[in-house]
N, C-alpha and C. Protein backbone atom coordinates (compact mmCIF):
# COMPACT_ATOMS: atom_id res chain seq x y z
N MET A 1 39.63 -12.60 44.97
CA MET A 1 38.77 -12.70 46.13
C MET A 1 38.89 -14.11 46.70
N LYS A 2 38.89 -14.22 47.99
CA LYS A 2 39.02 -15.52 48.63
C LYS A 2 37.73 -15.88 49.37
N VAL A 3 37.43 -17.17 49.39
CA VAL A 3 36.31 -17.69 50.15
C VAL A 3 36.90 -18.49 51.30
N ILE A 4 36.49 -18.16 52.52
CA ILE A 4 37.02 -18.86 53.69
C ILE A 4 35.89 -19.72 54.26
N ARG A 5 36.17 -21.01 54.43
CA ARG A 5 35.19 -21.92 54.98
C ARG A 5 35.77 -22.58 56.22
N LYS A 6 34.93 -22.77 57.20
CA LYS A 6 35.36 -23.46 58.40
C LYS A 6 34.80 -24.88 58.38
N THR A 7 35.66 -25.83 58.71
CA THR A 7 35.24 -27.22 58.79
C THR A 7 34.67 -27.48 60.18
N PRO A 8 33.91 -28.57 60.35
CA PRO A 8 33.38 -28.89 61.67
C PRO A 8 34.47 -29.03 62.74
N GLY A 9 35.68 -29.37 62.32
CA GLY A 9 36.78 -29.52 63.27
C GLY A 9 37.41 -28.20 63.68
N GLY A 10 36.94 -27.09 63.11
CA GLY A 10 37.47 -25.79 63.46
C GLY A 10 38.55 -25.29 62.52
N GLU A 11 38.93 -26.10 61.53
CA GLU A 11 39.95 -25.68 60.57
C GLU A 11 39.33 -24.71 59.57
N THR A 12 40.16 -23.84 59.03
CA THR A 12 39.68 -22.93 57.99
C THR A 12 40.32 -23.31 56.68
N ARG A 13 39.54 -23.18 55.63
CA ARG A 13 40.05 -23.45 54.28
C ARG A 13 39.81 -22.22 53.43
N GLU A 14 40.80 -21.84 52.68
CA GLU A 14 40.67 -20.69 51.80
C GLU A 14 40.73 -21.17 50.36
N LEU A 15 39.77 -20.75 49.59
CA LEU A 15 39.75 -21.05 48.17
C LEU A 15 39.66 -19.73 47.41
N LEU A 16 40.34 -19.66 46.31
CA LEU A 16 40.12 -18.52 45.45
C LEU A 16 38.73 -18.64 44.85
N LEU A 17 38.09 -17.53 44.62
CA LEU A 17 36.72 -17.55 44.13
C LEU A 17 36.61 -18.30 42.80
N LYS A 18 37.60 -18.14 41.94
CA LYS A 18 37.53 -18.84 40.66
C LYS A 18 37.65 -20.35 40.86
N GLU A 19 38.42 -20.79 41.83
CA GLU A 19 38.51 -22.22 42.13
C GLU A 19 37.19 -22.73 42.67
N TYR A 20 36.52 -21.92 43.48
CA TYR A 20 35.24 -22.31 44.05
C TYR A 20 34.22 -22.54 42.94
N PHE A 21 34.13 -21.62 41.97
CA PHE A 21 33.18 -21.77 40.88
C PHE A 21 33.59 -22.87 39.92
N LEU A 22 34.89 -23.08 39.75
CA LEU A 22 35.35 -24.17 38.90
C LEU A 22 34.96 -25.51 39.51
N ASN A 23 35.12 -25.64 40.82
CA ASN A 23 34.71 -26.88 41.49
C ASN A 23 33.20 -27.09 41.36
N ALA A 24 32.42 -26.04 41.54
CA ALA A 24 30.96 -26.15 41.41
C ALA A 24 30.58 -26.54 39.98
N TYR A 25 31.27 -25.98 38.98
CA TYR A 25 31.00 -26.30 37.59
C TYR A 25 31.32 -27.77 37.30
N LEU A 26 32.46 -28.24 37.81
CA LEU A 26 32.84 -29.63 37.58
C LEU A 26 31.88 -30.61 38.24
N ILE A 27 31.42 -30.29 39.43
CA ILE A 27 30.45 -31.15 40.11
C ILE A 27 29.16 -31.21 39.31
N ALA A 28 28.69 -30.07 38.82
CA ALA A 28 27.46 -30.03 38.02
C ALA A 28 27.63 -30.81 36.72
N ALA A 29 28.79 -30.68 36.08
CA ALA A 29 29.04 -31.40 34.82
C ALA A 29 29.07 -32.90 35.06
N LEU A 30 29.73 -33.34 36.12
CA LEU A 30 29.79 -34.77 36.43
C LEU A 30 28.40 -35.33 36.76
N LYS A 31 27.59 -34.54 37.44
CA LYS A 31 26.23 -34.98 37.75
C LYS A 31 25.42 -35.15 36.47
N THR A 32 25.57 -34.20 35.54
CA THR A 32 24.85 -34.28 34.28
C THR A 32 25.28 -35.50 33.48
N VAL A 33 26.57 -35.76 33.43
CA VAL A 33 27.07 -36.94 32.72
C VAL A 33 26.54 -38.22 33.37
N GLY A 34 26.54 -38.27 34.69
CA GLY A 34 26.03 -39.43 35.39
C GLY A 34 24.55 -39.66 35.11
N ASP A 35 23.77 -38.57 35.07
CA ASP A 35 22.35 -38.69 34.77
C ASP A 35 22.13 -39.22 33.35
N GLN A 36 22.93 -38.72 32.40
CA GLN A 36 22.79 -39.17 31.01
C GLN A 36 23.17 -40.63 30.86
N ILE A 37 24.19 -41.07 31.55
CA ILE A 37 24.60 -42.47 31.49
C ILE A 37 23.51 -43.36 32.09
N ARG A 38 22.95 -42.93 33.22
CA ARG A 38 21.88 -43.71 33.86
C ARG A 38 20.67 -43.81 32.94
N GLN A 39 20.32 -42.72 32.27
CA GLN A 39 19.18 -42.74 31.35
C GLN A 39 19.44 -43.66 30.17
N SER A 40 20.67 -43.65 29.65
CA SER A 40 20.97 -44.49 28.49
C SER A 40 20.99 -45.96 28.87
N ARG A 41 21.35 -46.28 30.11
CA ARG A 41 21.37 -47.68 30.54
C ARG A 41 19.97 -48.21 30.81
N THR A 42 19.07 -47.34 31.25
CA THR A 42 17.72 -47.79 31.55
C THR A 42 16.79 -47.71 30.35
N ALA A 43 17.23 -47.02 29.29
CA ALA A 43 16.40 -46.91 28.08
C ALA A 43 16.35 -48.26 27.37
N GLU A 44 15.20 -48.54 26.79
CA GLU A 44 15.05 -49.80 26.07
C GLU A 44 15.78 -49.71 24.74
N VAL A 45 16.60 -50.66 24.47
CA VAL A 45 17.38 -50.68 23.24
C VAL A 45 16.58 -51.44 22.19
N LYS A 46 16.34 -50.78 21.06
CA LYS A 46 15.61 -51.42 19.98
C LYS A 46 16.61 -51.86 18.92
N LEU A 47 16.73 -53.15 18.74
CA LEU A 47 17.64 -53.70 17.74
C LEU A 47 16.93 -53.76 16.40
N PRO A 48 17.65 -53.51 15.31
CA PRO A 48 17.00 -53.59 14.00
C PRO A 48 16.62 -55.03 13.69
N GLN A 49 15.47 -55.19 13.04
CA GLN A 49 15.00 -56.51 12.66
C GLN A 49 15.68 -56.92 11.35
N PRO A 50 16.10 -58.17 11.25
CA PRO A 50 16.73 -58.60 9.99
C PRO A 50 15.70 -58.60 8.85
N ALA A 51 16.19 -58.26 7.67
CA ALA A 51 15.31 -58.22 6.49
C ALA A 51 15.08 -59.65 6.03
N PRO A 52 13.86 -59.98 5.55
CA PRO A 52 13.61 -61.33 5.06
C PRO A 52 14.41 -61.59 3.78
N VAL A 53 14.93 -62.79 3.68
CA VAL A 53 15.72 -63.17 2.52
C VAL A 53 14.81 -63.96 1.57
N PRO A 54 14.70 -63.52 0.30
CA PRO A 54 13.84 -64.26 -0.64
C PRO A 54 14.48 -65.61 -0.97
N LEU A 55 13.66 -66.65 -1.00
CA LEU A 55 14.14 -67.98 -1.32
C LEU A 55 13.91 -68.27 -2.78
N ASP A 56 14.93 -68.77 -3.44
CA ASP A 56 14.81 -69.13 -4.86
C ASP A 56 14.38 -70.59 -4.91
N ARG A 57 13.15 -70.87 -5.32
CA ARG A 57 12.60 -72.23 -5.32
C ARG A 57 12.56 -72.79 -6.75
N SER A 58 13.64 -72.73 -7.43
CA SER A 58 13.64 -73.29 -8.79
C SER A 58 14.37 -74.61 -8.88
């Protein structure tokens, strides 16, 4: 099955239906990855605290 789209310039573009859904899937996947990266960059990073070292006072 083909999907025919017209551009504002009057040109027509034909895509196979599977290509259309593949493009939509890739766009959604890239958006999800971008959202996850943005969340990880804005999240507060908690660094581990160093353990106290016992001092030998002999």
